[in-house]
């Protein structure tokens, strides 16, 4: 049961990552990639280099997990 719980958590995390990557690709196509979904400000290049699917600027990164998928 413990292994199943661990695998379930991993699958959930991978699904979220997959959705965020797809969202980033759609943003590139729409021309609004790199903008914070909370405040609309530009996400610094360093953050996007580390996490290309980042949805928020560093000021709002704690809120990223609460954004709707």
N, C-alpha and C. Protein backbone atom coordinates (compact mmCIF):
# COMPACT_ATOMS: atom_id res chain seq x y z
N UNK A 1 0.82 -1.19 0.00
CA UNK A 1 0.00 0.00 0.00
C UNK A 1 0.87 1.27 0.00
N UNK A 2 1.97 1.21 0.74
CA UNK A 2 2.87 2.37 0.81
C UNK A 2 3.49 2.65 -0.56
N UNK A 3 3.89 1.60 -1.26
CA UNK A 3 4.48 1.76 -2.58
C UNK A 3 3.46 2.33 -3.57
N UNK A 4 2.23 1.86 -3.49
CA UNK A 4 1.17 2.37 -4.36
C UNK A 4 0.93 3.85 -4.10
N UNK A 5 0.93 4.25 -2.85
CA UNK A 5 0.74 5.65 -2.49
C UNK A 5 1.88 6.50 -3.06
N UNK A 6 3.10 6.01 -2.95
CA UNK A 6 4.26 6.72 -3.47
C UNK A 6 4.18 6.85 -4.99
N UNK A 7 3.79 5.77 -5.67
CA UNK A 7 3.68 5.80 -7.12
C UNK A 7 2.55 6.73 -7.56
N UNK A 8 1.48 6.76 -6.81
CA UNK A 8 0.36 7.64 -7.12
C UNK A 8 0.79 9.10 -7.03
N UNK A 9 1.55 9.42 -6.01
CA UNK A 9 2.05 10.79 -5.85
C UNK A 9 2.98 11.16 -7.00
N UNK A 10 3.80 10.22 -7.43
CA UNK A 10 4.71 10.46 -8.54
C UNK A 10 3.93 10.70 -9.83
N UNK A 11 2.92 9.89 -10.07
CA UNK A 11 2.10 10.06 -11.27
C UNK A 11 1.41 11.41 -11.25
N UNK A 12 0.88 11.82 -10.12
CA UNK A 12 0.22 13.13 -10.01
C UNK A 12 1.20 14.26 -10.32
N UNK A 13 2.41 14.16 -9.78
CA UNK A 13 3.42 15.19 -10.03
C UNK A 13 3.81 15.23 -11.51
N UNK A 14 3.96 14.06 -12.13
CA UNK A 14 4.29 14.00 -13.55
C UNK A 14 3.17 14.57 -14.42
N UNK A 15 1.93 14.30 -14.06
CA UNK A 15 0.79 14.85 -14.80
C UNK A 15 0.78 16.37 -14.72
N UNK A 16 1.06 16.91 -13.55
CA UNK A 16 1.10 18.36 -13.37
C UNK A 16 2.22 18.96 -14.21
N UNK A 17 3.38 18.33 -14.19
CA UNK A 17 4.50 18.81 -14.99
C UNK A 17 4.16 18.79 -16.48
N UNK A 18 3.53 17.72 -16.92
CA UNK A 18 3.12 17.58 -18.31
C UNK A 18 2.15 18.70 -18.70
N UNK A 19 1.17 18.97 -17.86
CA UNK A 19 0.20 20.04 -18.15
C UNK A 19 0.89 21.40 -18.22
N UNK A 20 1.83 21.63 -17.30
CA UNK A 20 2.53 22.92 -17.29
C UNK A 20 3.41 23.09 -18.52
N UNK A 21 4.02 22.01 -18.99
CA UNK A 21 4.82 22.09 -20.21
C UNK A 21 3.92 22.39 -21.41
N UNK A 22 2.80 21.70 -21.50
CA UNK A 22 1.86 21.98 -22.59
C UNK A 22 1.35 23.41 -22.53
N UNK A 23 1.08 23.90 -21.32
CA UNK A 23 0.62 25.28 -21.15
C UNK A 23 1.70 26.25 -21.63
N UNK A 24 2.97 25.97 -21.30
CA UNK A 24 4.08 26.83 -21.73
C UNK A 24 4.18 26.85 -23.25
N UNK A 25 4.00 25.69 -23.90
CA UNK A 25 4.05 25.64 -25.36
C UNK A 25 2.92 26.45 -25.99
N UNK A 26 1.74 26.38 -25.40
CA UNK A 26 0.61 27.18 -25.89
C UNK A 26 0.88 28.68 -25.71
N UNK A 27 1.53 29.04 -24.60
CA UNK A 27 1.87 30.44 -24.35
C UNK A 27 2.87 30.94 -25.38
N UNK A 28 3.82 30.08 -25.76
CA UNK A 28 4.79 30.46 -26.78
C UNK A 28 4.06 30.77 -28.08
N UNK A 29 3.15 29.89 -28.47
CA UNK A 29 2.37 30.08 -29.70
C UNK A 29 1.53 31.36 -29.63
N UNK A 30 0.98 31.66 -28.45
CA UNK A 30 0.12 32.83 -28.29
C UNK A 30 0.92 34.12 -28.10
N UNK A 31 2.23 33.99 -27.86
CA UNK A 31 3.07 35.17 -27.68
C UNK A 31 3.07 35.75 -26.28
N UNK A 32 2.61 34.98 -25.29
CA UNK A 32 2.62 35.49 -23.92
C UNK A 32 3.41 34.60 -22.96
N UNK A 33 4.38 33.88 -23.50
CA UNK A 33 5.26 33.05 -22.67
C UNK A 33 6.14 33.94 -21.81
N UNK A 34 6.35 33.55 -20.56
CA UNK A 34 7.25 34.28 -19.68
C UNK A 34 6.58 35.37 -18.87
N UNK A 35 5.24 35.39 -18.88
CA UNK A 35 4.51 36.36 -18.06
C UNK A 35 3.89 35.66 -16.87
N UNK A 36 4.00 36.28 -15.71
CA UNK A 36 3.44 35.73 -14.47
C UNK A 36 1.91 35.65 -14.58
N UNK A 37 1.35 34.51 -14.23
CA UNK A 37 -0.10 34.32 -14.28
C UNK A 37 -0.82 35.02 -13.11
N UNK A 38 -0.08 35.49 -12.13
CA UNK A 38 -0.69 36.19 -11.00
C UNK A 38 -0.70 37.70 -11.23
N UNK A 39 0.46 38.26 -11.57
CA UNK A 39 0.55 39.72 -11.68
C UNK A 39 0.77 40.23 -13.10
N UNK A 40 1.11 39.34 -14.04
CA UNK A 40 1.32 39.75 -15.41
C UNK A 40 2.71 40.29 -15.71
N UNK A 41 3.57 40.36 -14.70
CA UNK A 41 4.94 40.84 -14.91
C UNK A 41 5.78 39.76 -15.59
N UNK A 42 6.89 40.19 -16.17
CA UNK A 42 7.80 39.26 -16.84
C UNK A 42 8.51 38.37 -15.82
N UNK A 43 8.58 37.08 -16.13
CA UNK A 43 9.32 36.12 -15.31
C UNK A 43 10.78 36.23 -15.73
N UNK A 44 11.69 36.39 -14.77
CA UNK A 44 13.11 36.58 -15.10
C UNK A 44 13.65 35.36 -15.84
N UNK A 45 14.59 35.63 -16.75
CA UNK A 45 15.15 34.58 -17.60
C UNK A 45 15.77 33.45 -16.79
N UNK A 46 16.42 33.79 -15.68
CA UNK A 46 17.05 32.76 -14.85
C UNK A 46 16.05 31.74 -14.32
N UNK A 47 14.88 32.21 -13.94
CA UNK A 47 13.84 31.29 -13.45
C UNK A 47 13.35 30.41 -14.59
N UNK A 48 13.17 30.98 -15.76
CA UNK A 48 12.70 30.21 -16.91
C UNK A 48 13.76 29.22 -17.40
N UNK A 49 15.04 29.56 -17.22
CA UNK A 49 16.11 28.62 -17.57
C UNK A 49 16.07 27.40 -16.67
N UNK A 50 15.80 27.63 -15.39
CA UNK A 50 15.74 26.53 -14.43
C UNK A 50 14.45 25.75 -14.59
N UNK A 51 13.34 26.45 -14.79
CA UNK A 51 12.02 25.83 -14.90
C UNK A 51 11.27 26.47 -16.07
N UNK A 52 11.48 25.97 -17.29
CA UNK A 52 10.86 26.58 -18.47
C UNK A 52 9.34 26.63 -18.42
N UNK A 53 8.73 25.80 -17.61
CA UNK A 53 7.26 25.78 -17.51
C UNK A 53 6.75 26.62 -16.35
N UNK A 54 7.62 27.47 -15.77
CA UNK A 54 7.22 28.31 -14.64
C UNK A 54 6.02 29.18 -15.03
N UNK A 55 5.07 29.27 -14.13
CA UNK A 55 3.85 30.03 -14.40
C UNK A 55 3.82 31.36 -13.67
N UNK A 56 4.75 31.56 -12.75
CA UNK A 56 4.75 32.78 -11.94
C UNK A 56 6.15 33.37 -11.82
N UNK A 57 6.19 34.65 -11.50
CA UNK A 57 7.46 35.31 -11.20
C UNK A 57 7.94 34.84 -9.83
N UNK A 58 9.14 35.22 -9.45
CA UNK A 58 9.68 34.77 -8.17
C UNK A 58 8.87 35.31 -6.99
N UNK A 59 8.28 36.48 -7.14
CA UNK A 59 7.48 37.05 -6.06
C UNK A 59 6.24 36.21 -5.76
N UNK A 60 5.75 35.48 -6.77
CA UNK A 60 4.52 34.71 -6.60
C UNK A 60 4.73 33.20 -6.72
N UNK A 61 5.97 32.75 -6.68
CA UNK A 61 6.24 31.34 -6.90
C UNK A 61 5.61 30.43 -5.83
N UNK A 62 5.38 30.95 -4.64
CA UNK A 62 4.72 30.15 -3.61
C UNK A 62 3.25 29.91 -3.96
N UNK A 63 2.69 30.75 -4.81
CA UNK A 63 1.27 30.64 -5.20
C UNK A 63 1.08 29.71 -6.41
N UNK A 64 2.19 29.32 -7.04
CA UNK A 64 2.09 28.53 -8.27
C UNK A 64 1.35 27.21 -8.06
N UNK A 65 1.56 26.57 -6.95
CA UNK A 65 0.91 25.28 -6.67
C UNK A 65 -0.60 25.43 -6.50
N UNK A 66 -1.06 26.63 -6.20
CA UNK A 66 -2.50 26.83 -5.98
C UNK A 66 -3.24 27.28 -7.25
N UNK A 67 -2.49 27.53 -8.33
CA UNK A 67 -3.14 27.93 -9.58
C UNK A 67 -3.89 26.75 -10.17
N UNK A 68 -5.01 27.02 -10.82
CA UNK A 68 -5.77 25.91 -11.43
C UNK A 68 -4.97 25.23 -12.52
N UNK A 69 -5.15 23.93 -12.62
CA UNK A 69 -4.45 23.19 -13.67
C UNK A 69 -5.17 23.44 -14.96
